[in-house]
C-alpha atoms as a PDB file:
ATOM      1  CA  MET A   1      22.351 -46.481  -2.907  1.00  0.00           C
ATOM      2  CA  SER A   2      23.287 -45.531   0.643  1.00  0.00           C
ATOM      3  CA  PHE A   3      26.417 -43.776  -0.655  1.00  0.00           C
ATOM      4  CA  PHE A   4      24.270 -41.509  -2.828  1.00  0.00           C
ATOM      5  CA  ARG A   5      21.943 -40.745   0.096  1.00  0.00           C
ATOM      6  CA  LEU A   6      24.926 -39.843   2.246  1.00  0.00           C
ATOM      7  CA  LEU A   7      26.358 -37.697  -0.534  1.00  0.00           C
ATOM      8  CA  LEU A   8      22.996 -35.962  -1.037  1.00  0.00           C
ATOM      9  CA  ARG A   9      22.630 -35.284   2.702  1.00  0.00           C
ATOM     10  CA  TRP A  10      26.108 -33.790   2.876  1.00  0.00           C
ATOM     11  CA  LEU A  11      25.386 -31.662  -0.184  1.00  0.00           C
ATOM     12  CA  ILE A  12      22.173 -30.344   1.375  1.00  0.00           C
ATOM     13  CA  VAL A  13      23.961 -29.585   4.663  1.00  0.00           C
ATOM     14  CA  ILE A  14      26.792 -27.767   2.898  1.00  0.00           C
ATOM     15  CA  VAL A  15      24.432 -25.733   0.704  1.00  0.00           C
ATOM     16  CA  GLY A  16      22.335 -24.843   3.769  1.00  0.00           C
ATOM     17  CA  ALA A  17      25.444 -23.759   5.659  1.00  0.00           C
ATOM     18  CA  ILE A  18      26.554 -21.587   2.742  1.00  0.00           C
ATOM     19  CA  VAL A  19      23.123 -19.942   2.432  1.00  0.00           C
ATOM     20  CA  GLY A  20      22.960 -19.373   6.192  1.00  0.00           C
ATOM     21  CA  LEU A  21      26.442 -17.875   6.229  1.00  0.00           C
ATOM     22  CA  ALA A  22      25.529 -15.627   3.303  1.00  0.00           C
ATOM     23  CA  PHE A  23      22.450 -14.305   5.148  1.00  0.00           C
ATOM     24  CA  PHE A  24      24.513 -13.759   8.285  1.00  0.00           C
ATOM     25  CA  LEU A  25      27.211 -11.856   6.408  1.00  0.00           C
ATOM     26  CA  PHE A  26      24.565  -9.769   4.634  1.00  0.00           C
ATOM     27  CA  ALA A  27      23.056  -8.834   8.017  1.00  0.00           C
ATOM     28  CA  VAL A  28      26.477  -7.899   9.426  1.00  0.00           C
ATOM     29  CA  VAL A  29      27.342  -5.769   6.393  1.00  0.00           C
ATOM     30  CA  ALA A  30      23.939  -4.043   6.511  1.00  0.00           C
ATOM     31  CA  PHE A  31      24.341  -3.345  10.237  1.00  0.00           C
ATOM     32  CA  VAL A  32      27.837  -1.895   9.792  1.00  0.00           C
ATOM     33  CA  THR A  33      26.683   0.222   6.838  1.00  0.00           C
ATOM     34  CA  ILE A  34      23.734   1.658   8.771  1.00  0.00           C
ATOM     35  CA  LEU A  35      25.976   2.282  11.769  1.00  0.00           C
ATOM     36  CA  LEU A  36      28.609   4.094   9.708  1.00  0.00           C
ATOM     37  CA  LEU A  37      26.018   6.180   7.874  1.00  0.00           C
ATOM     38  CA  SER A  38      24.399   7.208  11.138  1.00  0.00           C
ATOM     39  CA  LEU A  39      27.785   8.150  12.588  1.00  0.00           C
ATOM     40  CA  LEU A  40      28.730  10.183   9.522  1.00  0.00           C
ATOM     41  CA  THR A  41      25.411  12.020   9.244  1.00  0.00           C
ATOM     42  CA  GLY A  42      24.890  12.450  12.988  1.00  0.00           C
ATOM     43  CA  ARG A  43      21.335  11.127  12.822  1.00  0.00           C
ATOM     44  CA  LYS A  44      19.849   8.174  14.598  1.00  0.00           C
ATOM     45  CA  PRO A  45      18.630   5.495  12.207  1.00  0.00           C
ATOM     46  CA  ASN A  46      14.857   5.109  12.092  1.00  0.00           C
ATOM     47  CA  MET A  47      14.580   1.399  12.818  1.00  0.00           C
ATOM     48  CA  GLN A  48      11.036   1.187  14.143  1.00  0.00           C
ATOM     49  CA  PHE A  49       9.223  -1.895  13.008  1.00  0.00           C
ATOM     50  CA  ARG A  50       5.524  -1.838  13.736  1.00  0.00           C
ATOM     51  CA  MET A  51       3.388  -4.895  13.463  1.00  0.00           C
ATOM     52  CA  ASN A  52      -0.356  -4.725  13.136  1.00  0.00           C
ATOM     53  CA  ARG A  53      -2.010  -6.885  15.770  1.00  0.00           C
ATOM     54  CA  SER A  54      -4.725  -7.897  13.370  1.00  0.00           C
ATOM     55  CA  PRO A  55      -3.482  -7.721   9.785  1.00  0.00           C
ATOM     56  CA  TRP A  56      -6.995  -8.294   8.408  1.00  0.00           C
ATOM     57  CA  ALA A  57      -8.534  -5.398  10.304  1.00  0.00           C
ATOM     58  CA  PRO A  58      -9.271  -2.293   8.252  1.00  0.00           C
ATOM     59  CA  ARG A  59      -6.810   0.512   8.641  1.00  0.00           C
ATOM     60  CA  ARG A  60      -7.816   3.462  10.759  1.00  0.00           C
ATOM     61  CA  PRO A  61      -8.040   6.686   8.779  1.00  0.00           C
ATOM     62  CA  GLN A  62      -5.323   9.153   9.639  1.00  0.00           C
ATOM     63  CA  PRO A  63      -6.521  12.501  10.992  1.00  0.00           C
ATOM     64  CA  PRO A  64      -6.120  15.251   8.421  1.00  0.00           C
ATOM     65  CA  ALA A  65      -3.040  17.382   8.904  1.00  0.00           C
ATOM     66  CA  ASP A  66      -4.579  20.860   8.825  1.00  0.00           C
ATOM     67  CA  GLY A  67      -1.400  22.474   9.935  1.00  0.00           C
ATOM     68  CA  ASP A  68      -2.950  23.759  13.149  1.00  0.00           C
ATOM     69  CA  VAL A  69      -0.173  25.012  15.356  1.00  0.00           C
ATOM     70  CA  VAL A  70      -0.853  25.548  19.023  1.00  0.00           C
ATOM     71  CA  ASP A  71       1.456  28.090  20.572  1.00  0.00           C
ATOM     72  CA  ILE A  72       1.989  27.805  24.287  1.00  0.00           C
ATOM     73  CA  GLU A  73       3.812  29.972  26.748  1.00  0.00           C
ATOM     74  CA  ALA A  74       6.714  28.243  28.459  1.00  0.00           C
ATOM     75  CA  ARG A  75       6.923  28.627  32.228  1.00  0.00           C
ATOM     76  CA  GLU A  76       9.625  27.475  34.565  1.00  0.00           C
ATOM     77  CA  VAL A  77       8.351  25.474  37.517  1.00  0.00           C
ATOM     78  CA  LYS A  78      10.502  25.622  40.627  1.00  0.00           C
ATOM     79  CA  ALA A  79      10.452  22.872  43.200  1.00  0.00           C
ATOM     80  CA  PRO A  80      10.382  23.825  46.874  1.00  0.00           C
ATOM     81  CA  GLU A  81      13.856  23.931  48.368  1.00  0.00           C
ATOM     82  CA  ALA A  82      14.829  21.037  50.603  1.00  0.00           C
ATOM     83  CA  PRO A  83      16.352  21.743  54.018  1.00  0.00           C
ATOM     84  CA  PRO A  84      20.163  21.519  54.097  1.00  0.00           C
ATOM     85  CA  LEU A  85      21.693  18.205  55.104  1.00  0.00           C
ATOM     86  CA  PRO A  86      23.509  17.969  58.453  1.00  0.00           C
ATOM     87  CA  LEU A  87      27.300  17.987  58.307  1.00  0.00           C
ATOM     88  CA  GLN A  88      27.816  15.553  61.203  1.00  0.00           C
ATOM     89  CA  PRO A  89      28.066  11.814  60.514  1.00  0.00           C
ATOM     90  CA  PRO A  90      25.008   9.814  61.565  1.00  0.00           C
ATOM     91  CA  ARG A  91      24.956   8.464  65.122  1.00  0.00           C
ATOM     92  CA  HIS A  92      24.172   4.828  65.820  1.00  0.00           C
END
């Protein structure tokens, strides 16, 4: 009886290791595929995962996209010029 328990435990450990290794290899292959596709297309992958803090809360309605475009005038803002640095080394 103890031999069968030992055999069953080893079988469960081996099957668990195989399943874990399969998930790990799947994750590595998916990562490499996404990386290669992003390098070939020149786009960053959109990998944003958002989690709702309260999954039972009702969803907030999205504001309607009316297509309102606000055109602004671009202005360049210049910072005041700093005084030039002294060329002598600092004295102690």
